[in-house]
C-alpha atoms as a PDB file:
ATOM      1  CA  MET A   1     -74.636 149.877 136.666  1.00  0.00           C
ATOM      2  CA  ARG A   2     -77.744 148.346 135.117  1.00  0.00           C
ATOM      3  CA  GLU A   3     -77.232 147.286 131.496  1.00  0.00           C
ATOM      4  CA  TRP A   4     -79.658 146.510 128.684  1.00  0.00           C
ATOM      5  CA  LEU A   5     -79.224 145.033 125.233  1.00  0.00           C
ATOM      6  CA  VAL A   6     -81.953 146.278 122.921  1.00  0.00           C
ATOM      7  CA  ALA A   7     -82.601 145.487 119.258  1.00  0.00           C
ATOM      8  CA  GLY A   8     -84.479 147.698 116.819  1.00  0.00           C
ATOM      9  CA  GLY A   9     -85.852 146.854 113.396  1.00  0.00           C
ATOM     10  CA  LEU A  10     -86.002 148.920 110.218  1.00  0.00           C
ATOM     11  CA  VAL A  11     -88.958 147.682 108.163  1.00  0.00           C
ATOM     12  CA  GLU A  12     -89.783 149.595 104.974  1.00  0.00           C
ATOM     13  CA  VAL A  13     -92.574 149.623 102.405  1.00  0.00           C
ATOM     14  CA  ASP A  14     -92.799 152.088  99.505  1.00  0.00           C
ATOM     15  CA  ALA A  15     -90.542 154.792 101.043  1.00  0.00           C
ATOM     16  CA  ALA A  16     -92.286 154.521 104.412  1.00  0.00           C
ATOM     17  CA  ILE A  17     -90.725 153.113 107.569  1.00  0.00           C
ATOM     18  CA  LEU A  18     -92.501 151.152 110.278  1.00  0.00           C
ATOM     19  CA  LEU A  19     -92.642 153.024 113.594  1.00  0.00           C
ATOM     20  CA  VAL A  20     -94.350 152.230 116.880  1.00  0.00           C
ATOM     21  CA  GLN A  21     -95.815 154.711 119.331  1.00  0.00           C
ATOM     22  CA  ASN A  22     -94.660 154.056 122.897  1.00  0.00           C
ATOM     23  CA  ARG A  23     -96.373 155.150 126.102  1.00  0.00           C
ATOM     24  CA  ARG A  24     -93.630 155.911 128.630  1.00  0.00           C
ATOM     25  CA  ARG A  25     -93.897 155.546 132.420  1.00  0.00           C
ATOM     26  CA  ASP A  26     -94.601 159.265 132.802  1.00  0.00           C
ATOM     27  CA  GLY A  27     -97.505 158.976 130.318  1.00  0.00           C
ATOM     28  CA  SER A  28     -95.693 160.722 127.458  1.00  0.00           C
ATOM     29  CA  LEU A  29     -95.805 159.291 123.935  1.00  0.00           C
ATOM     30  CA  ASP A  30     -93.031 158.992 121.369  1.00  0.00           C
ATOM     31  CA  TRP A  31     -92.326 157.074 118.169  1.00  0.00           C
ATOM     32  CA  SER A  32     -89.441 154.716 117.380  1.00  0.00           C
ATOM     33  CA  PRO A  33     -88.652 151.706 115.217  1.00  0.00           C
ATOM     34  CA  PRO A  34     -90.108 148.510 116.715  1.00  0.00           C
ATOM     35  CA  GLY A  35     -87.929 146.363 118.949  1.00  0.00           C
ATOM     36  CA  GLY A  36     -87.098 145.805 122.565  1.00  0.00           C
ATOM     37  CA  VAL A  37     -84.962 144.230 125.240  1.00  0.00           C
ATOM     38  CA  ILE A  38     -83.238 141.002 124.266  1.00  0.00           C
ATOM     39  CA  GLU A  39     -83.401 138.214 126.856  1.00  0.00           C
ATOM     40  CA  VAL A  40     -79.739 137.189 126.634  1.00  0.00           C
ATOM     41  CA  ALA A  41     -79.929 135.395 130.004  1.00  0.00           C
ATOM     42  CA  GLU A  42     -82.536 133.076 128.494  1.00  0.00           C
ATOM     43  CA  GLY A  43     -80.281 132.279 125.514  1.00  0.00           C
ATOM     44  CA  GLU A  44     -82.085 134.490 123.027  1.00  0.00           C
ATOM     45  CA  SER A  45     -80.059 135.715 120.025  1.00  0.00           C
ATOM     46  CA  VAL A  46     -80.365 139.356 118.972  1.00  0.00           C
ATOM     47  CA  ARG A  47     -82.131 138.504 115.712  1.00  0.00           C
ATOM     48  CA  ASP A  48     -84.489 135.984 117.324  1.00  0.00           C
ATOM     49  CA  GLY A  49     -85.378 138.502 120.030  1.00  0.00           C
ATOM     50  CA  LEU A  50     -85.848 141.245 117.453  1.00  0.00           C
ATOM     51  CA  THR A  51     -88.124 139.026 115.358  1.00  0.00           C
ATOM     52  CA  ARG A  52     -90.195 138.252 118.476  1.00  0.00           C
ATOM     53  CA  GLU A  53     -90.416 141.919 119.532  1.00  0.00           C
ATOM     54  CA  VAL A  54     -91.391 143.211 116.073  1.00  0.00           C
ATOM     55  CA  GLU A  55     -94.116 140.583 115.724  1.00  0.00           C
ATOM     56  CA  GLU A  56     -95.497 141.225 119.222  1.00  0.00           C
ATOM     57  CA  GLU A  57     -95.508 144.987 118.768  1.00  0.00           C
ATOM     58  CA  THR A  58     -96.755 145.203 115.174  1.00  0.00           C
ATOM     59  CA  GLY A  59     -98.064 141.880 113.834  1.00  0.00           C
ATOM     60  CA  ILE A  60     -95.315 141.895 111.169  1.00  0.00           C
ATOM     61  CA  ARG A  61     -93.211 138.693 110.982  1.00  0.00           C
ATOM     62  CA  VAL A  62     -89.695 139.349 109.661  1.00  0.00           C
ATOM     63  CA  LEU A  63     -88.317 136.376 107.737  1.00  0.00           C
ATOM     64  CA  GLU A  64     -84.814 137.726 107.084  1.00  0.00           C
ATOM     65  CA  TRP A  65     -82.656 140.455 108.653  1.00  0.00           C
ATOM     66  CA  GLU A  66     -79.435 142.138 107.573  1.00  0.00           C
ATOM     67  CA  GLY A  67     -77.045 144.036 109.750  1.00  0.00           C
ATOM     68  CA  PRO A  68     -76.647 145.432 112.241  1.00  0.00           C
ATOM     69  CA  VAL A  69     -76.974 148.599 110.198  1.00  0.00           C
ATOM     70  CA  TYR A  70     -75.902 150.689 113.190  1.00  0.00           C
ATOM     71  CA  GLU A  71     -75.291 150.350 116.908  1.00  0.00           C
ATOM     72  CA  VAL A  72     -75.953 152.849 119.676  1.00  0.00           C
ATOM     73  CA  GLU A  73     -74.446 153.081 123.132  1.00  0.00           C
ATOM     74  CA  ALA A  74     -75.985 155.447 125.693  1.00  0.00           C
ATOM     75  CA  GLU A  75     -74.811 155.761 129.270  1.00  0.00           C
ATOM     76  CA  ALA A  76     -76.496 157.587 132.135  1.00  0.00           C
ATOM     77  CA  ALA A  77     -73.915 157.218 134.910  1.00  0.00           C
ATOM     78  CA  GLU A  78     -75.830 159.366 137.415  1.00  0.00           C
ATOM     79  CA  MET A  79     -78.965 157.257 136.931  1.00  0.00           C
ATOM     80  CA  GLY A  80     -76.966 154.028 136.925  1.00  0.00           C
ATOM     81  CA  TRP A  81     -77.748 152.579 133.512  1.00  0.00           C
ATOM     82  CA  ARG A  82     -76.104 151.729 130.207  1.00  0.00           C
ATOM     83  CA  LEU A  83     -77.928 150.866 127.002  1.00  0.00           C
ATOM     84  CA  ARG A  84     -76.582 149.107 123.920  1.00  0.00           C
ATOM     85  CA  VAL A  85     -78.793 148.973 120.843  1.00  0.00           C
ATOM     86  CA  GLU A  86     -78.332 146.958 117.649  1.00  0.00           C
ATOM     87  CA  VAL A  87     -80.485 148.083 114.723  1.00  0.00           C
ATOM     88  CA  HIS A  88     -81.093 145.632 111.875  1.00  0.00           C
ATOM     89  CA  ARG A  89     -82.912 146.042 108.547  1.00  0.00           C
ATOM     90  CA  ALA A  90     -85.683 143.688 107.441  1.00  0.00           C
ATOM     91  CA  VAL A  91     -84.958 142.114 104.067  1.00  0.00           C
ATOM     92  CA  SER A  92     -88.249 140.189 103.847  1.00  0.00           C
ATOM     93  CA  PHE A  93     -91.363 140.027 105.976  1.00  0.00           C
ATOM     94  CA  THR A  94     -94.998 138.999 105.997  1.00  0.00           C
ATOM     95  CA  GLY A  95     -98.184 139.849 107.856  1.00  0.00           C
ATOM     96  CA  ARG A  96    -100.257 142.963 108.426  1.00  0.00           C
ATOM     97  CA  LEU A  97    -100.205 145.636 111.081  1.00  0.00           C
ATOM     98  CA  ALA A  98    -101.951 144.439 114.219  1.00  0.00           C
ATOM     99  CA  PRO A  99    -100.243 145.911 117.310  1.00  0.00           C
ATOM    100  CA  ALA A 100    -100.701 143.764 120.416  1.00  0.00           C
ATOM    101  CA  ASP A 101     -97.758 144.498 122.731  1.00  0.00           C
ATOM    102  CA  PRO A 102     -97.946 142.166 125.758  1.00  0.00           C
ATOM    103  CA  ASP A 103     -95.940 144.732 127.764  1.00  0.00           C
ATOM    104  CA  GLY A 104     -98.521 147.450 127.086  1.00  0.00           C
ATOM    105  CA  ILE A 105     -95.887 149.965 125.971  1.00  0.00           C
ATOM    106  CA  VAL A 106     -96.671 150.084 122.242  1.00  0.00           C
ATOM    107  CA  VAL A 107    -100.046 151.730 121.649  1.00  0.00           C
ATOM    108  CA  ASP A 108     -99.914 152.200 117.857  1.00  0.00           C
ATOM    109  CA  ALA A 109     -97.901 151.086 114.813  1.00  0.00           C
ATOM    110  CA  ARG A 110     -97.843 152.512 111.307  1.00  0.00           C
ATOM    111  CA  PHE A 111     -95.742 152.929 108.205  1.00  0.00           C
ATOM    112  CA  VAL A 112     -94.689 156.582 108.230  1.00  0.00           C
ATOM    113  CA  PRO A 113     -93.862 158.207 104.871  1.00  0.00           C
ATOM    114  CA  ALA A 114     -90.408 159.768 104.502  1.00  0.00           C
ATOM    115  CA  GLU A 115     -91.765 163.316 104.408  1.00  0.00           C
ATOM    116  CA  ALA A 116     -93.408 162.889 107.846  1.00  0.00           C
ATOM    117  CA  LEU A 117     -90.504 161.191 109.633  1.00  0.00           C
ATOM    118  CA  GLU A 118     -88.755 164.296 110.995  1.00  0.00           C
ATOM    119  CA  GLU A 119     -91.919 165.589 112.651  1.00  0.00           C
ATOM    120  CA  THR A 120     -92.954 162.127 113.897  1.00  0.00           C
ATOM    121  CA  LEU A 121     -89.546 161.457 115.467  1.00  0.00           C
ATOM    122  CA  ALA A 122     -89.187 164.927 117.030  1.00  0.00           C
ATOM    123  CA  SER A 123     -90.215 163.725 120.514  1.00  0.00           C
ATOM    124  CA  CYS A 124     -88.081 160.566 120.667  1.00  0.00           C
ATOM    125  CA  GLN A 125     -84.680 160.327 122.314  1.00  0.00           C
ATOM    126  CA  GLN A 126     -81.719 161.842 120.486  1.00  0.00           C
ATOM    127  CA  TRP A 127     -79.998 158.428 120.350  1.00  0.00           C
ATOM    128  CA  VAL A 128     -83.005 157.087 118.407  1.00  0.00           C
ATOM    129  CA  ARG A 129     -83.609 160.092 116.128  1.00  0.00           C
ATOM    130  CA  GLU A 130     -80.060 160.952 114.994  1.00  0.00           C
ATOM    131  CA  PRO A 131     -78.737 157.562 113.820  1.00  0.00           C
ATOM    132  CA  LEU A 132     -82.037 156.670 112.153  1.00  0.00           C
ATOM    133  CA  GLY A 133     -82.206 160.029 110.367  1.00  0.00           C
ATOM    134  CA  ALA A 134     -78.612 159.704 109.157  1.00  0.00           C
ATOM    135  CA  TRP A 135     -79.151 156.150 107.900  1.00  0.00           C
ATOM    136  CA  LEU A 136     -82.316 157.129 106.030  1.00  0.00           C
ATOM    137  CA  VAL A 137     -80.370 159.844 104.180  1.00  0.00           C
ATOM    138  CA  GLU A 138     -77.076 158.032 103.574  1.00  0.00           C
ATOM    139  CA  ARG A 139     -78.047 154.317 103.408  1.00  0.00           C
ATOM    140  CA  TRP A 140     -74.537 153.133 104.293  1.00  0.00           C
ATOM    141  CA  VAL A 141     -73.519 149.486 103.985  1.00  0.00           C
ATOM    142  CA  ASP A 142     -71.018 148.967 106.820  1.00  0.00           C
ATOM    143  CA  ALA A 143     -72.367 149.284 110.361  1.00  0.00           C
ATOM    144  CA  ARG A 144     -71.777 152.533 112.247  1.00  0.00           C
ATOM    145  CA  ARG A 145     -71.555 153.054 115.982  1.00  0.00           C
ATOM    146  CA  TYR A 146     -73.014 156.051 117.834  1.00  0.00           C
ATOM    147  CA  ARG A 147     -72.178 156.933 121.444  1.00  0.00           C
ATOM    148  CA  TYR A 148     -74.122 159.199 123.815  1.00  0.00           C
ATOM    149  CA  ARG A 149     -73.707 160.370 127.396  1.00  0.00           C
ATOM    150  CA  VAL A 150     -76.849 161.200 129.358  1.00  0.00           C
ATOM    151  CA  GLU A 151     -76.189 163.832 132.024  1.00  0.00           C
ATOM    152  CA  GLY A 152     -78.494 164.321 135.000  1.00  0.00           C
ATOM    153  CA  SER A 153     -79.953 162.287 137.805  1.00  0.00           C
ATOM    154  CA  ARG A 154     -83.647 162.434 136.819  1.00  0.00           C
ATOM    155  CA  GLN A 155     -85.351 161.396 133.623  1.00  0.00           C
ATOM    156  CA  SER A 156     -86.921 164.815 133.208  1.00  0.00           C
ATOM    157  CA  GLY A 157     -84.440 167.517 132.381  1.00  0.00           C
ATOM    158  CA  VAL A 158     -81.524 165.339 131.290  1.00  0.00           C
ATOM    159  CA  ARG A 159     -78.948 166.578 128.823  1.00  0.00           C
ATOM    160  CA  VAL A 160     -77.873 164.170 126.075  1.00  0.00           C
ATOM    161  CA  VAL A 161     -74.390 164.645 124.625  1.00  0.00           C
ATOM    162  CA  ARG A 162     -73.291 162.844 121.490  1.00  0.00           C
ATOM    163  CA  GLN A 163     -69.792 161.534 122.066  1.00  0.00           C
ATOM    164  CA  GLY A 164     -69.136 160.319 118.577  1.00  0.00           C
ATOM    165  CA  ALA A 165     -70.046 158.250 115.588  1.00  0.00           C
ATOM    166  CA  ASP A 166     -67.769 155.719 113.956  1.00  0.00           C
ATOM    167  CA  PRO A 167     -68.413 155.210 110.237  1.00  0.00           C
END
C-alpha cells in the first residue's frame, strides 16, 4: 500500500479563498486549496512543507498557521494507495500571487469569492470539496476528521464513499 501525507492551506482575503488550478495526469483540470506532499523522509514538518508548497504554487508566503482545521483520510485499496491530508488555516501571510509550481501541476492560482466556490470546486475530488465546503459554512474550532473509501481499480470511473466525519 503506497501512502502519502499531504498538507493543504486555507488562505483567505475579504471573503475569498485562495485556490489553485491543477492539471492532472489525464489532462483534466480541477481546483483545490494550495498544498502538496510533505517530505517526511527528509525531516520536513507538516507546517514547513505546507509553507514551502503554498509559496511555490502561489507566491504567497505564510508566516503563521493554525490547525489542523480538519484532516482527511482516503483509501483506494484496489489501486493500492492511502492518502492522509492535514488542512491548516493561514493566520498571517505576505506576498502577491505569482504561481510558479516547479512540479508543473499548478497552472493558475486565484482568490475565489465565496459565491463562486461551489461552482469552482465542482470538478475536484469529493474528499477535497466536502470538508472544505463544511468548514467554510460552519467555521468550527476543533479539528474534524473525514474518512473516504475509493472503490474501483482505475482512476476513471471510481466511486467515492464517505465513511464518516468526526466532529
